[in-house]
Amino acid sequence: MVSLKVFDVLGHELAILVNGVQQPGMHTVQWDAAGFPSGVYFYRLQADSFDESKKLLLLR
């Protein structure tokens, strides 16, 4: 099971980009951030025992 979510700086979940079973390998996901202002956001990628959160910067 793979989960990829986007959060704001307050920890509110803004988008679920992936939530399901994925085949092993490289994958690409696009986030339609048209309705979001410039700023700092975070994404969290979870897969089995893997769990990583990173910061991303959205610039308009």
C-alpha atoms as a PDB file:
ATOM      1  CA  MET A   1       0.000   0.000   0.000  1.00  0.00           C
ATOM      2  CA  VAL A   2       1.395   3.403  -1.009  1.00  0.00           C
ATOM      3  CA  SER A   3       0.201   6.789   0.223  1.00  0.00           C
ATOM      4  CA  LEU A   4       1.326  10.224  -0.963  1.00  0.00           C
ATOM      5  CA  LYS A   5      -0.301  13.251   0.658  1.00  0.00           C
ATOM      6  CA  VAL A   6       0.243  17.022   0.649  1.00  0.00           C
ATOM      7  CA  PHE A   7      -0.100  19.134   3.809  1.00  0.00           C
ATOM      8  CA  ASP A   8       0.048  22.824   4.676  1.00  0.00           C
ATOM      9  CA  VAL A   9       2.378  24.230   7.353  1.00  0.00           C
ATOM     10  CA  LEU A  10      -0.315  23.698  10.003  1.00  0.00           C
ATOM     11  CA  GLY A  11      -0.523  20.004   9.176  1.00  0.00           C
ATOM     12  CA  HIS A  12      -3.872  20.118   7.398  1.00  0.00           C
ATOM     13  CA  GLU A  13      -4.186  17.501   4.686  1.00  0.00           C
ATOM     14  CA  LEU A  14      -4.743  19.270   1.357  1.00  0.00           C
ATOM     15  CA  ALA A  15      -4.491  16.510  -1.222  1.00  0.00           C
ATOM     16  CA  ILE A  16      -4.212  12.749  -1.524  1.00  0.00           C
ATOM     17  CA  LEU A  17      -2.158  12.088  -4.637  1.00  0.00           C
ATOM     18  CA  VAL A  18      -1.745   8.323  -4.257  1.00  0.00           C
ATOM     19  CA  ASN A  19      -3.597   5.905  -2.018  1.00  0.00           C
ATOM     20  CA  GLY A  20      -3.406   2.301  -3.096  1.00  0.00           C
ATOM     21  CA  VAL A  21      -1.275  -0.536  -4.350  1.00  0.00           C
ATOM     22  CA  GLN A  22       1.561   0.355  -6.735  1.00  0.00           C
ATOM     23  CA  GLN A  23       3.821  -1.959  -8.691  1.00  0.00           C
ATOM     24  CA  PRO A  24       7.538  -1.755  -7.804  1.00  0.00           C
ATOM     25  CA  GLY A  25       9.477   0.761  -9.876  1.00  0.00           C
ATOM     26  CA  MET A  26       9.610   4.465 -10.674  1.00  0.00           C
ATOM     27  CA  HIS A  27       6.379   6.446 -10.741  1.00  0.00           C
ATOM     28  CA  THR A  28       5.482  10.057 -11.511  1.00  0.00           C
ATOM     29  CA  VAL A  29       2.677  11.999  -9.851  1.00  0.00           C
ATOM     30  CA  GLN A  30       1.434  15.479 -10.704  1.00  0.00           C
ATOM     31  CA  TRP A  31      -0.210  17.766  -8.173  1.00  0.00           C
ATOM     32  CA  ASP A  32      -2.685  20.280  -9.600  1.00  0.00           C
ATOM     33  CA  ALA A  33      -1.882  23.147  -7.222  1.00  0.00           C
ATOM     34  CA  ALA A  34      -3.854  25.737  -9.209  1.00  0.00           C
ATOM     35  CA  GLY A  35      -6.068  26.574  -6.228  1.00  0.00           C
ATOM     36  CA  PHE A  36      -3.234  26.969  -3.738  1.00  0.00           C
ATOM     37  CA  PRO A  37      -1.223  30.114  -3.025  1.00  0.00           C
ATOM     38  CA  SER A  38       2.562  30.324  -3.143  1.00  0.00           C
ATOM     39  CA  GLY A  39       4.138  29.067   0.028  1.00  0.00           C
ATOM     40  CA  VAL A  40       5.658  26.165   1.909  1.00  0.00           C
ATOM     41  CA  TYR A  41       3.946  22.793   1.829  1.00  0.00           C
ATOM     42  CA  PHE A  42       4.914  19.307   2.910  1.00  0.00           C
ATOM     43  CA  TYR A  43       4.421  15.912   1.337  1.00  0.00           C
ATOM     44  CA  ARG A  44       4.419  12.558   3.068  1.00  0.00           C
ATOM     45  CA  LEU A  45       5.208   9.334   1.233  1.00  0.00           C
ATOM     46  CA  GLN A  46       4.397   6.064   2.997  1.00  0.00           C
ATOM     47  CA  ALA A  47       4.973   2.565   1.616  1.00  0.00           C
ATOM     48  CA  ASP A  48       5.063  -0.497   3.843  1.00  0.00           C
ATOM     49  CA  SER A  49       7.816   0.275   6.400  1.00  0.00           C
ATOM     50  CA  PHE A  50       9.015   3.383   4.490  1.00  0.00           C
ATOM     51  CA  ASP A  51       7.795   6.763   5.781  1.00  0.00           C
ATOM     52  CA  GLU A  52       9.288  10.076   4.610  1.00  0.00           C
ATOM     53  CA  SER A  53       8.141  13.690   4.799  1.00  0.00           C
ATOM     54  CA  LYS A  54       9.749  16.521   2.849  1.00  0.00           C
ATOM     55  CA  LYS A  55       9.217  20.234   2.403  1.00  0.00           C
ATOM     56  CA  LEU A  56       8.271  21.691  -0.960  1.00  0.00           C
ATOM     57  CA  LEU A  57       8.056  25.299  -2.072  1.00  0.00           C
ATOM     58  CA  LEU A  58       5.283  26.392  -4.430  1.00  0.00           C
ATOM     59  CA  LEU A  59       6.134  29.534  -6.381  1.00  0.00           C
ATOM     60  CA  ARG A  60       3.773  31.374  -8.706  1.00  0.00           C
END
